[in-house]
Amino acid sequence: MIPEVTPVPRPEWSPVPHEGCRGVESKALLRLEYLGVAMLRFAPDGTIHEHPAPFPIDVVCLEGAGMTSLNGEAAPIRAGERVRWPADVAHRLWTEDSAMVTLMVEHVGLRAAPSR
């Protein structure tokens, strides 16, 4: 059986296009019905805007250091550490004096249950 080798969705670094984001580039590595994987590269003083997502996200810091927040509560994150952002809770990621590279794992198949 021959392995099926396919290109990743967006292999080149490109600026994160959301309003409120600055100094951050991303690569989309995998997009499946239930899972998304991307890398984010932060310059010093880079930030993504604070926002919720309808699914949980694991953020793994691969290089450097920065800050993360969940519902306004901030904590440092460094290379070799991970944080989980629950579904439907505002989160943010940023750097101050250093650069940072993260791996983002979006658990799209674990969407939050609809509120009643």
PDB file of N, CA and C in Angstrom:
ATOM      1  N   MET A   1       0.843  -1.175   0.000  1.00  0.00           N
ATOM      2  CA  MET A   1       0.000   0.000   0.000  1.00  0.00           C
ATOM      3  C   MET A   1       0.892   1.244   0.000  1.00  0.00           C
ATOM      4  N   ILE A   2       0.601   2.190  -0.874  1.00  0.00           N
ATOM      5  CA  ILE A   2       1.379   3.425  -0.982  1.00  0.00           C
ATOM      6  C   ILE A   2       0.784   4.465  -0.037  1.00  0.00           C
ATOM      7  N   PRO A   3       1.625   5.091   0.785  1.00  0.00           N
ATOM      8  CA  PRO A   3       1.106   6.134   1.690  1.00  0.00           C
ATOM      9  C   PRO A   3       0.571   7.321   0.890  1.00  0.00           C
ATOM     10  N   GLU A   4      -0.513   7.887   1.353  1.00  0.00           N
ATOM     11  CA  GLU A   4      -1.062   9.087   0.723  1.00  0.00           C
ATOM     12  C   GLU A   4      -0.403  10.310   1.343  1.00  0.00           C
ATOM     13  N   VAL A   5       0.434  10.973   0.589  1.00  0.00           N
ATOM     14  CA  VAL A   5       1.142  12.164   1.049  1.00  0.00           C
ATOM     15  C   VAL A   5       0.457  13.377   0.422  1.00  0.00           C
ATOM     16  N   THR A   6      -0.009  14.294   1.267  1.00  0.00           N
ATOM     17  CA  THR A   6      -0.732  15.473   0.782  1.00  0.00           C
ATOM     18  C   THR A   6      -0.123  16.735   1.397  1.00  0.00           C
ATOM     19  N   PRO A   7      -0.296  17.862   0.755  1.00  0.00           N
ATOM     20  CA  PRO A   7       0.230  19.109   1.319  1.00  0.00           C
ATOM     21  C   PRO A   7      -0.558  19.546   2.549  1.00  0.00           C
ATOM     22  N   VAL A   8       0.100  20.294   3.424  1.00  0.00           N
ATOM     23  CA  VAL A   8      -0.591  20.875   4.572  1.00  0.00           C
ATOM     24  C   VAL A   8      -1.370  22.098   4.091  1.00  0.00           C
ATOM     25  N   PRO A   9      -2.402  22.535   4.832  1.00  0.00           N
ATOM     26  CA  PRO A   9      -3.254  23.640   4.359  1.00  0.00           C
ATOM     27  C   PRO A   9      -2.513  24.941   4.080  1.00  0.00           C
ATOM     28  N   ARG A  10      -1.615  25.350   4.967  1.00  0.00           N
ATOM     29  CA  ARG A  10      -0.894  26.618   4.763  1.00  0.00           C
ATOM     30  C   ARG A  10       0.510  26.449   5.345  1.00  0.00           C
ATOM     31  N   PRO A  11       1.480  25.974   4.526  1.00  0.00           N
ATOM     32  CA  PRO A  11       2.811  25.645   5.041  1.00  0.00           C
ATOM     33  C   PRO A  11       3.718  26.841   5.284  1.00  0.00           C
ATOM     34  N   GLU A  12       3.388  27.994   4.734  1.00  0.00           N
ATOM     35  CA  GLU A  12       4.244  29.176   4.879  1.00  0.00           C
ATOM     36  C   GLU A  12       3.734  30.067   6.009  1.00  0.00           C
ATOM     37  N   TRP A  13       4.656  30.748   6.688  1.00  0.00           N
ATOM     38  CA  TRP A  13       4.270  31.707   7.718  1.00  0.00           C
ATOM     39  C   TRP A  13       3.499  32.857   7.065  1.00  0.00           C
ATOM     40  N   SER A  14       2.372  33.230   7.650  1.00  0.00           N
ATOM     41  CA  SER A  14       1.616  34.388   7.169  1.00  0.00           C
ATOM     42  C   SER A  14       1.017  35.112   8.370  1.00  0.00           C
ATOM     43  N   PRO A  15       0.823  36.435   8.281  1.00  0.00           N
ATOM     44  CA  PRO A  15       0.294  37.200   9.410  1.00  0.00           C
ATOM     45  C   PRO A  15      -1.094  36.698   9.828  1.00  0.00           C
ATOM     46  N   VAL A  16      -1.347  36.683  11.132  1.00  0.00           N
ATOM     47  CA  VAL A  16      -2.673  36.343  11.644  1.00  0.00           C
ATOM     48  C   VAL A  16      -3.582  37.522  11.289  1.00  0.00           C
ATOM     49  N   PRO A  17      -4.676  37.271  10.552  1.00  0.00           N
ATOM     50  CA  PRO A  17      -5.455  38.368   9.967  1.00  0.00           C
ATOM     51  C   PRO A  17      -6.518  38.998  10.866  1.00  0.00           C
ATOM     52  N   HIS A  18      -6.635  38.600  12.112  1.00  0.00           N
ATOM     53  CA  HIS A  18      -7.710  39.124  12.962  1.00  0.00           C
ATOM     54  C   HIS A  18      -7.374  40.505  13.517  1.00  0.00           C
ATOM     55  N   GLU A  19      -8.398  41.342  13.617  1.00  0.00           N
ATOM     56  CA  GLU A  19      -8.232  42.670  14.206  1.00  0.00           C
ATOM     57  C   GLU A  19      -7.770  42.508  15.650  1.00  0.00           C
ATOM     58  N   GLY A  20      -6.825  43.312  16.061  1.00  0.00           N
ATOM     59  CA  GLY A  20      -6.301  43.218  17.419  1.00  0.00           C
ATOM     60  C   GLY A  20      -5.078  42.324  17.532  1.00  0.00           C
ATOM     61  N   CYS A  21      -4.715  41.618  16.464  1.00  0.00           N
ATOM     62  CA  CYS A  21      -3.509  40.794  16.458  1.00  0.00           C
ATOM     63  C   CYS A  21      -2.375  41.602  15.843  1.00  0.00           C
ATOM     64  N   ARG A  22      -1.197  41.492  16.458  1.00  0.00           N
ATOM     65  CA  ARG A  22      -0.034  42.166  15.889  1.00  0.00           C
ATOM     66  C   ARG A  22       1.218  41.356  16.231  1.00  0.00           C
ATOM     67  N   GLY A  23       2.147  41.326  15.298  1.00  0.00           N
ATOM     68  CA  GLY A  23       3.417  40.647  15.528  1.00  0.00           C
ATOM     69  C   GLY A  23       3.287  39.140  15.644  1.00  0.00           C
ATOM     70  N   VAL A  24       2.255  38.559  15.004  1.00  0.00           N
ATOM     71  CA  VAL A  24       2.040  37.107  15.095  1.00  0.00           C
ATOM     72  C   VAL A  24       1.833  36.552  13.692  1.00  0.00           C
ATOM     73  N   GLU A  25       2.555  35.481  13.386  1.00  0.00           N
ATOM     74  CA  GLU A  25       2.389  34.761  12.125  1.00  0.00           C
ATOM     75  C   GLU A  25       1.965  33.338  12.438  1.00  0.00           C
ATOM     76  N   SER A  26       1.298  32.698  11.468  1.00  0.00           N
ATOM     77  CA  SER A  26       0.837  31.323  11.696  1.00  0.00           C
ATOM     78  C   SER A  26       1.071  30.455  10.475  1.00  0.00           C
ATOM     79  N   LYS A  27       1.078  29.148  10.732  1.00  0.00           N
ATOM     80  CA  LYS A  27       1.089  28.105   9.705  1.00  0.00           C
ATOM     81  C   LYS A  27      -0.040  27.149  10.058  1.00  0.00           C
ATOM     82  N   ALA A  28      -0.885  26.792   9.107  1.00  0.00           N
ATOM     83  CA  ALA A  28      -1.933  25.786   9.331  1.00  0.00           C
ATOM     84  C   ALA A  28      -1.374  24.443   8.863  1.00  0.00           C
ATOM     85  N   LEU A  29      -1.242  23.500   9.778  1.00  0.00           N
ATOM     86  CA  LEU A  29      -0.610  22.223   9.461  1.00  0.00           C
ATOM     87  C   LEU A  29      -1.603  21.108   9.180  1.00  0.00           C
ATOM     88  N   LEU A  30      -2.763  21.146   9.847  1.00  0.00           N
ATOM     89  CA  LEU A  30      -3.736  20.068   9.700  1.00  0.00           C
ATOM     90  C   LEU A  30      -5.128  20.614   9.966  1.00  0.00           C
ATOM     91  N   ARG A  31      -6.058  20.312   9.072  1.00  0.00           N
ATOM     92  CA  ARG A  31      -7.465  20.671   9.279  1.00  0.00           C
ATOM     93  C   ARG A  31      -8.299  19.446   8.964  1.00  0.00           C
ATOM     94  N   LEU A  32      -8.857  18.860   9.999  1.00  0.00           N
ATOM     95  CA  LEU A  32      -9.760  17.727   9.864  1.00  0.00           C
ATOM     96  C   LEU A  32     -11.107  18.129  10.446  1.00  0.00           C
ATOM     97  N   GLU A  33     -12.101  17.323  10.229  1.00  0.00           N
ATOM     98  CA  GLU A  33     -13.441  17.621  10.736  1.00  0.00           C
ATOM     99  C   GLU A  33     -13.448  17.799  12.250  1.00  0.00           C
ATOM    100  N   TYR A  34     -12.584  17.094  12.945  1.00  0.00           N
ATOM    101  CA  TYR A  34     -12.591  17.065  14.411  1.00  0.00           C
ATOM    102  C   TYR A  34     -11.331  17.660  15.048  1.00  0.00           C
ATOM    103  N   LEU A  35     -10.345  18.088  14.240  1.00  0.00           N
ATOM    104  CA  LEU A  35      -9.062  18.513  14.793  1.00  0.00           C
ATOM    105  C   LEU A  35      -8.389  19.529  13.883  1.00  0.00           C
ATOM    106  N   GLY A  36      -7.790  20.551  14.480  1.00  0.00           N
ATOM    107  CA  GLY A  36      -6.982  21.509  13.744  1.00  0.00           C
ATOM    108  C   GLY A  36      -5.651  21.678  14.448  1.00  0.00           C
ATOM    109  N   VAL A  37      -4.564  21.760  13.673  1.00  0.00           N
ATOM    110  CA  VAL A  37      -3.231  21.940  14.239  1.00  0.00           C
ATOM    111  C   VAL A  37      -2.553  23.082  13.493  1.00  0.00           C
ATOM    112  N   ALA A  38      -2.015  24.024  14.255  1.00  0.00           N
ATOM    113  CA  ALA A  38      -1.326  25.167  13.661  1.00  0.00           C
ATOM    114  C   ALA A  38      -0.157  25.563  14.549  1.00  0.00           C
ATOM    115  N   MET A  39       0.746  26.331  13.973  1.00  0.00           N
ATOM    116  CA  MET A  39       1.834  26.927  14.743  1.00  0.00           C
ATOM    117  C   MET A  39       1.658  28.431  14.714  1.00  0.00           C
ATOM    118  N   LEU A  40       1.976  29.086  15.828  1.00  0.00           N
ATOM    119  CA  LEU A  40       1.978  30.543  15.899  1.00  0.00           C
ATOM    120  C   LEU A  40       3.382  30.987  16.277  1.00  0.00           C
ATOM    121  N   ARG A  41       3.851  32.031  15.597  1.00  0.00           N
ATOM    122  CA  ARG A  41       5.180  32.593  15.881  1.00  0.00           C
ATOM    123  C   ARG A  41       4.987  34.041  16.295  1.00  0.00           C
ATOM    124  N   PHE A  42       5.375  34.357  17.522  1.00  0.00           N
ATOM    125  CA  PHE A  42       5.206  35.686  18.107  1.00  0.00           C
ATOM    126  C   PHE A  42       6.534  36.438  18.108  1.00  0.00           C
ATOM    127  N   ALA A  43       6.518  37.661  17.611  1.00  0.00           N
ATOM    128  CA  ALA A  43       7.649  38.568  17.772  1.00  0.00           C
ATOM    129  C   ALA A  43       7.567  39.145  19.188  1.00  0.00           C
ATOM    130  N   PRO A  44       8.634  39.772  19.697  1.00  0.00           N
ATOM    131  CA  PRO A  44       8.504  40.476  20.968  1.00  0.00           C
ATOM    132  C   PRO A  44       7.354  41.490  20.879  1.00  0.00           C
ATOM    133  N   ASP A  45       6.574  41.581  21.925  1.00  0.00           N
ATOM    134  CA  ASP A  45       5.391  42.442  21.998  1.00  0.00           C
ATOM    135  C   ASP A  45       4.305  42.043  21.001  1.00  0.00           C
ATOM    136  N   GLY A  46       4.256  40.764  20.615  1.00  0.00           N
ATOM    137  CA  GLY A  46       3.203  40.252  19.744  1.00  0.00           C
ATOM    138  C   GLY A  46       1.993  39.834  20.563  1.00  0.00           C
ATOM    139  N   THR A  47       0.809  39.847  19.949  1.00  0.00           N
ATOM    140  CA  THR A  47      -0.400  39.462  20.669  1.00  0.00           C
ATOM    141  C   THR A  47      -1.472  38.936  19.723  1.00  0.00           C
ATOM    142  N   ILE A  48      -2.263  37.994  20.217  1.00  0.00           N
ATOM    143  CA  ILE A  48      -3.523  37.654  19.565  1.00  0.00           C
ATOM    144  C   ILE A  48      -4.614  38.305  20.407  1.00  0.00           C
ATOM    145  N   HIS A  49      -5.708  38.649  19.772  1.00  0.00           N
ATOM    146  CA  HIS A  49      -6.811  39.315  20.459  1.00  0.00           C
ATOM    147  C   HIS A  49      -7.480  38.347  21.437  1.00  0.00           C
ATOM    148  N   GLU A  50      -8.076  38.889  22.483  1.00  0.00           N
ATOM    149  CA  GLU A  50      -8.812  38.062  23.438  1.00  0.00           C
ATOM    150  C   GLU A  50     -10.136  37.648  22.804  1.00  0.00           C
ATOM    151  N   HIS A  51     -10.415  36.343  22.835  1.00  0.00           N
ATOM    152  CA  HIS A  51     -11.643  35.825  22.216  1.00  0.00           C
ATOM    153  C   HIS A  51     -11.921  34.421  22.742  1.00  0.00           C
ATOM    154  N   PRO A  52     -13.173  33.976  22.694  1.00  0.00           N
ATOM    155  CA  PRO A  52     -13.504  32.589  23.011  1.00  0.00           C
ATOM    156  C   PRO A  52     -13.503  31.759  21.724  1.00  0.00           C
ATOM    157  N   ALA A  53     -13.472  30.458  21.869  1.00  0.00           N
ATOM    158  CA  ALA A  53     -13.641  29.533  20.740  1.00  0.00           C
ATOM    159  C   ALA A  53     -14.686  28.503  21.161  1.00  0.00           C
ATOM    160  N   PRO A  54     -15.437  27.945  20.220  1.00  0.00           N
ATOM    161  CA  PRO A  54     -16.490  26.994  20.572  1.00  0.00           C
ATOM    162  C   PRO A  54     -15.987  25.578  20.849  1.00  0.00           C
ATOM    163  N   PHE A  55     -14.662  25.425  21.011  1.00  0.00           N
ATOM    164  CA  PHE A  55     -14.056  24.114  21.269  1.00  0.00           C
ATOM    165  C   PHE A  55     -12.814  24.322  22.135  1.00  0.00           C
ATOM    166  N   PRO A  56     -12.367  23.279  22.852  1.00  0.00           N
ATOM    167  CA  PRO A  56     -11.146  23.417  23.651  1.00  0.00           C
ATOM    168  C   PRO A  56      -9.909  23.493  22.752  1.00  0.00           C
ATOM    169  N   ILE A  57      -8.895  24.189  23.243  1.00  0.00           N
ATOM    170  CA  ILE A  57      -7.628  24.335  22.520  1.00  0.00           C
ATOM    171  C   ILE A  57      -6.487  24.056  23.491  1.00  0.00           C
ATOM    172  N   ASP A  58      -5.546  23.210  23.065  1.00  0.00           N
ATOM    173  CA  ASP A  58      -4.302  23.016  23.807  1.00  0.00           C
ATOM    174  C   ASP A  58      -3.226  23.850  23.135  1.00  0.00           C
ATOM    175  N   VAL A  59      -2.492  24.616  23.931  1.00  0.00           N
ATOM    176  CA  VAL A  59      -1.393  25.446  23.451  1.00  0.00           C
ATOM    177  C   VAL A  59      -0.116  24.892  24.070  1.00  0.00           C
ATOM    178  N   VAL A  60       0.838  24.514  23.219  1.00  0.00           N
ATOM    179  CA  VAL A  60       2.126  24.009  23.678  1.00  0.00           C
ATOM    180  C   VAL A  60       3.179  25.032  23.288  1.00  0.00           C
ATOM    181  N   CYS A  61       3.909  25.549  24.252  1.00  0.00           N
ATOM    182  CA  CYS A  61       4.987  26.488  23.967  1.00  0.00           C
ATOM    183  C   CYS A  61       6.210  25.673  23.552  1.00  0.00           C
ATOM    184  N   LEU A  62       6.645  25.860  22.310  1.00  0.00           N
ATOM    185  CA  LEU A  62       7.786  25.111  21.771  1.00  0.00           C
ATOM    186  C   LEU A  62       9.103  25.839  21.970  1.00  0.00           C
ATOM    187  N   GLU A  63       9.081  27.155  21.843  1.00  0.00           N
ATOM    188  CA  GLU A  63      10.297  27.971  21.983  1.00  0.00           C
ATOM    189  C   GLU A  63       9.940  29.291  22.638  1.00  0.00           C
ATOM    190  N   GLY A  64      10.870  29.821  23.429  1.00  0.00           N
ATOM    191  CA  GLY A  64      10.684  31.146  24.005  1.00  0.00           C
ATOM    192  C   GLY A  64       9.739  31.159  25.188  1.00  0.00           C
ATOM    193  N   ALA A  65       9.118  32.316  25.398  1.00  0.00           N
ATOM    194  CA  ALA A  65       8.225  32.493  26.545  1.00  0.00           C
ATOM    195  C   ALA A  65       7.267  33.628  26.255  1.00  0.00           C
ATOM    196  N   GLY A  66       6.137  33.589  26.951  1.00  0.00           N
ATOM    197  CA  GLY A  66       5.135  34.634  26.802  1.00  0.00           C
ATOM    198  C   GLY A  66       4.134  34.564  27.931  1.00  0.00           C
ATOM    199  N   MET A  67       2.950  35.063  27.652  1.00  0.00           N
ATOM    200  CA  MET A  67       1.876  35.100  28.638  1.00  0.00           C
ATOM    201  C   MET A  67       0.611  34.531  28.003  1.00  0.00           C
ATOM    202  N   THR A  68      -0.223  33.948  28.846  1.00  0.00           N
ATOM    203  CA  THR A  68      -1.532  33.480  28.417  1.00  0.00           C
ATOM    204  C   THR A  68      -2.552  33.957  29.434  1.00  0.00           C
ATOM    205  N   SER A  69      -3.774  34.153  28.979  1.00  0.00           N
ATOM    206  CA  SER A  69      -4.828  34.490  29.933  1.00  0.00           C
ATOM    207  C   SER A  69      -6.066  33.680  29.612  1.00  0.00           C
ATOM    208  N   LEU A  70      -6.852  33.469  30.650  1.00  0.00           N
ATOM    209  CA  LEU A  70      -8.111  32.743  30.559  1.00  0.00           C
ATOM    210  C   LEU A  70      -9.113  33.530  31.383  1.00  0.00           C
ATOM    211  N   ASN A  71     -10.119  34.060  30.704  1.00  0.00           N
ATOM    212  CA  ASN A  71     -11.138  34.874  31.383  1.00  0.00           C
ATOM    213  C   ASN A  71     -10.513  36.020  32.174  1.00  0.00           C
ATOM    214  N   GLY A  72      -9.439  36.612  31.599  1.00  0.00           N
ATOM    215  CA  GLY A  72      -8.803  37.767  32.224  1.00  0.00           C
ATOM    216  C   GLY A  72      -7.725  37.450  33.240  1.00  0.00           C
ATOM    217  N   GLU A  73      -7.547  36.183  33.619  1.00  0.00           N
ATOM    218  CA  GLU A  73      -6.516  35.788  34.586  1.00  0.00           C
ATOM    219  C   GLU A  73      -5.262  35.380  33.818  1.00  0.00           C
ATOM    220  N   ALA A  74      -4.129  36.081  34.042  1.00  0.00           N
ATOM    221  CA  ALA A  74      -2.906  35.867  33.280  1.00  0.00           C
ATOM    222  C   ALA A  74      -1.930  34.943  34.000  1.00  0.00           C
ATOM    223  N   ALA A  75      -1.107  34.233  33.188  1.00  0.00           N
ATOM    224  CA  ALA A  75      -0.050  33.375  33.714  1.00  0.00           C
ATOM    225  C   ALA A  75       1.061  33.294  32.672  1.00  0.00           C
ATOM    226  N   PRO A  76       2.317  33.159  33.117  1.00  0.00           N
ATOM    227  CA  PRO A  76       3.410  32.991  32.154  1.00  0.00           C
ATOM    228  C   PRO A  76       3.378  31.580  31.559  1.00  0.00           C
ATOM    229  N   ILE A  77       3.893  31.458  30.340  1.00  0.00           N
ATOM    230  CA  ILE A  77       4.059  30.155  29.701  1.00  0.00           C
ATOM    231  C   ILE A  77       5.437  30.156  29.032  1.00  0.00           C
ATOM    232  N   ARG A  78       6.164  29.031  29.192  1.00  0.00           N
ATOM    233  CA  ARG A  78       7.529  28.917  28.676  1.00  0.00           C
ATOM    234  C   ARG A  78       7.676  27.651  27.850  1.00  0.00           C
ATOM    235  N   ALA A  79       8.764  27.582  27.095  1.00  0.00           N
ATOM    236  CA  ALA A  79       9.061  26.396  26.291  1.00  0.00           C
ATOM    237  C   ALA A  79       8.970  25.146  27.167  1.00  0.00           C
ATOM    238  N   GLY A  80       8.268  24.144  26.659  1.00  0.00           N
ATOM    239  CA  GLY A  80       8.085  22.897  27.400  1.00  0.00           C
ATOM    240  C   GLY A  80       6.839  22.872  28.259  1.00  0.00           C
ATOM    241  N   GLU A  81       6.037  23.942  28.226  1.00  0.00           N
ATOM    242  CA  GLU A  81       4.805  23.993  29.014  1.00  0.00           C
ATOM    243  C   GLU A  81       3.586  24.040  28.101  1.00  0.00           C
ATOM    244  N   ARG A  82       2.434  23.644  28.670  1.00  0.00           N
ATOM    245  CA  ARG A  82       1.179  23.573  27.921  1.00  0.00           C
ATOM    246  C   ARG A  82       0.072  24.202  28.748  1.00  0.00           C
ATOM    247  N   VAL A  83      -0.907  24.776  28.059  1.00  0.00           N
ATOM    248  CA  VAL A  83      -2.113  25.279  28.713  1.00  0.00           C
ATOM    249  C   VAL A  83      -3.305  24.816  27.892  1.00  0.00           C
ATOM    250  N   ARG A  84      -4.421  24.545  28.563  1.00  0.00           N
ATOM    251  CA  ARG A  84      -5.664  24.212  27.853  1.00  0.00           C
ATOM    252  C   ARG A  84      -6.644  25.346  28.062  1.00  0.00           C
ATOM    253  N   TRP A  85      -7.209  25.815  26.943  1.00  0.00           N
ATOM    254  CA  TRP A  85      -8.271  26.804  26.972  1.00  0.00           C
ATOM    255  C   TRP A  85      -9.583  26.064  26.769  1.00  0.00           C
ATOM    256  N   PRO A  86     -10.496  26.078  27.747  1.00  0.00           N
ATOM    257  CA  PRO A  86     -11.791  25.405  27.582  1.00  0.00           C
ATOM    258  C   PRO A  86     -12.648  26.103  26.521  1.00  0.00           C
ATOM    259  N   ALA A  87     -13.618  25.389  26.008  1.00  0.00           N
ATOM    260  CA  ALA A  87     -14.563  25.949  25.033  1.00  0.00           C
ATOM    261  C   ALA A  87     -15.334  27.113  25.650  1.00  0.00           C
ATOM    262  N   ASP A  88     -15.599  28.109  24.843  1.00  0.00           N
ATOM    263  CA  ASP A  88     -16.459  29.238  25.187  1.00  0.00           C
ATOM    264  C   ASP A  88     -15.948  30.100  26.337  1.00  0.00           C
ATOM    265  N   VAL A  89     -14.632  30.101  26.578  1.00  0.00           N
ATOM    266  CA  VAL A  89     -14.036  30.968  27.597  1.00  0.00           C
ATOM    267  C   VAL A  89     -13.017  31.864  26.895  1.00  0.00           C
ATOM    268  N   ALA A  90     -13.077  33.161  27.152  1.00  0.00           N
ATOM    269  CA  ALA A  90     -12.164  34.107  26.515  1.00  0.00           C
ATOM    270  C   ALA A  90     -10.721  33.788  26.892  1.00  0.00           C
ATOM    271  N   HIS A  91      -9.849  33.788  25.876  1.00  0.00           N
ATOM    272  CA  HIS A  91      -8.434  33.490  26.091  1.00  0.00           C
ATOM    273  C   HIS A  91      -7.581  34.415  25.239  1.00  0.00           C
ATOM    274  N   ARG A  92      -6.316  34.482  25.587  1.00  0.00           N
ATOM    275  CA  ARG A  92      -5.383  35.353  24.872  1.00  0.00           C
ATOM    276  C   ARG A  92      -3.974  34.804  25.045  1.00  0.00           C
ATOM    277  N   LEU A  93      -3.086  35.148  24.109  1.00  0.00           N
ATOM    278  CA  LEU A  93      -1.690  34.747  24.158  1.00  0.00           C
ATOM    279  C   LEU A  93      -0.868  35.931  23.677  1.00  0.00           C
ATOM    280  N   TRP A  94       0.238  36.260  24.369  1.00  0.00           N
ATOM    281  CA  TRP A  94       1.058  37.395  23.962  1.00  0.00           C
ATOM    282  C   TRP A  94       2.476  37.256  24.495  1.00  0.00           C
ATOM    283  N   THR A  95       3.349  38.091  23.939  1.00  0.00           N
ATOM    284  CA  THR A  95       4.726  38.148  24.416  1.00  0.00           C
ATOM    285  C   THR A  95       5.019  39.562  24.878  1.00  0.00           C
ATOM    286  N   GLU A  96       6.052  39.662  25.685  1.00  0.00           N
ATOM    287  CA  GLU A  96       6.492  40.986  26.123  1.00  0.00           C
ATOM    288  C   GLU A  96       7.874  41.245  25.517  1.00  0.00           C
ATOM    289  N   ASP A  97       8.954  40.866  26.188  1.00  0.00           N
ATOM    290  CA  ASP A  97      10.303  41.168  25.698  1.00  0.00           C
ATOM    291  C   ASP A  97      10.912  40.066  24.830  1.00  0.00           C
ATOM    292  N   SER A  98      10.294  38.895  24.768  1.00  0.00           N
ATOM    293  CA  SER A  98      10.898  37.784  24.034  1.00  0.00           C
ATOM    294  C   SER A  98       9.983  37.301  22.914  1.00  0.00           C
ATOM    295  N   ALA A  99      10.549  36.499  22.041  1.00  0.00           N
ATOM    296  CA  ALA A  99       9.774  35.853  20.981  1.00  0.00           C
ATOM    297  C   ALA A  99       9.257  34.514  21.510  1.00  0.00           C
ATOM    298  N   MET A 100       8.303  33.910  20.786  1.00  0.00           N
ATOM    299  CA  MET A 100       7.731  32.632  21.217  1.00  0.00           C
ATOM    300  C   MET A 100       7.166  31.911  19.998  1.00  0.00           C
ATOM    301  N   VAL A 101       7.265  30.581  20.008  1.00  0.00           N
ATOM    302  CA  VAL A 101       6.622  29.729  19.009  1.00  0.00           C
ATOM    303  C   VAL A 101       5.741  28.738  19.753  1.00  0.00           C
ATOM    304  N   THR A 102       4.488  28.611  19.311  1.00  0.00           N
ATOM    305  CA  THR A 102       3.557  27.683  19.959  1.00  0.00           C
ATOM    306  C   THR A 102       2.940  26.737  18.936  1.00  0.00           C
ATOM    307  N   LEU A 103       2.516  25.594  19.435  1.00  0.00           N
ATOM    308  CA  LEU A 103       1.730  24.636  18.664  1.00  0.00           C
ATOM    309  C   LEU A 103       0.316  24.712  19.213  1.00  0.00           C
ATOM    310  N   MET A 104      -0.656  24.925  18.337  1.00  0.00           N
ATOM    311  CA  MET A 104      -2.054  25.043  18.738  1.00  0.00           C
ATOM    312  C   MET A 104      -2.791  23.793  18.267  1.00  0.00           C
ATOM    313  N   VAL A 105      -3.461  23.119  19.190  1.00  0.00           N
ATOM    314  CA  VAL A 105      -4.247  21.929  18.846  1.00  0.00           C
ATOM    315  C   VAL A 105      -5.701  22.250  19.175  1.00  0.00           C
ATOM    316  N   GLU A 106      -6.497  22.433  18.131  1.00  0.00           N
ATOM    317  CA  GLU A 106      -7.909  22.780  18.284  1.00  0.00           C
ATOM    318  C   GLU A 106      -8.742  21.505  18.226  1.00  0.00           C
ATOM    319  N   HIS A 107      -9.432  21.203  19.311  1.00  0.00           N
ATOM    320  CA  HIS A 107     -10.251  19.989  19.411  1.00  0.00           C
ATOM    321  C   HIS A 107     -11.662  20.305  18.904  1.00  0.00           C
ATOM    322  N   VAL A 108     -11.769  20.525  17.602  1.00  0.00           N
ATOM    323  CA  VAL A 108     -13.011  20.968  16.972  1.00  0.00           C
ATOM    324  C   VAL A 108     -14.146  19.977  17.223  1.00  0.00           C
ATOM    325  N   GLY A 109     -13.837  18.693  17.309  1.00  0.00           N
ATOM    326  CA  GLY A 109     -14.860  17.671  17.552  1.00  0.00           C
ATOM    327  C   GLY A 109     -15.439  17.708  18.956  1.00  0.00           C
ATOM    328  N   LEU A 110     -14.828  18.487  19.856  1.00  0.00           N
ATOM    329  CA  LEU A 110     -15.317  18.585  21.247  1.00  0.00           C
ATOM    330  C   LEU A 110     -16.019  19.907  21.481  1.00  0.00           C
ATOM    331  N   ARG A 111     -16.820  20.333  20.543  1.00  0.00           N
ATOM    332  CA  ARG A 111     -17.540  21.603  20.692  1.00  0.00           C
ATOM    333  C   ARG A 111     -18.384  21.587  21.967  1.00  0.00           C
ATOM    334  N   ALA A 112     -18.514  22.749  22.549  1.00  0.00           N
ATOM    335  CA  ALA A 112     -19.305  22.877  23.781  1.00  0.00           C
ATOM    336  C   ALA A 112     -20.765  22.525  23.489  1.00  0.00           C
ATOM    337  N   ALA A 113     -21.406  21.950  24.478  1.00  0.00           N
ATOM    338  CA  ALA A 113     -22.833  21.616  24.323  1.00  0.00           C
ATOM    339  C   ALA A 113     -23.634  22.901  24.242  1.00  0.00           C
ATOM    340  N   PRO A 114     -24.661  22.948  23.398  1.00  0.00           N
ATOM    341  CA  PRO A 114     -25.481  24.157  23.313  1.00  0.00           C
ATOM    342  C   PRO A 114     -26.154  24.460  24.647  1.00  0.00           C
ATOM    343  N   SER A 115     -26.199  25.748  24.985  1.00  0.00           N
ATOM    344  CA  SER A 115     -26.863  26.121  26.243  1.00  0.00           C
ATOM    345  C   SER A 115     -28.377  26.048  26.052  1.00  0.00           C
ATOM    346  N   ARG A 116     -29.066  25.754  27.128  1.00  0.00           N
ATOM    347  CA  ARG A 116     -30.525  25.612  27.070  1.00  0.00           C
ATOM    348  C   ARG A 116     -31.210  26.822  27.607  1.00  0.00           C
TER     349      ARG A 116
END
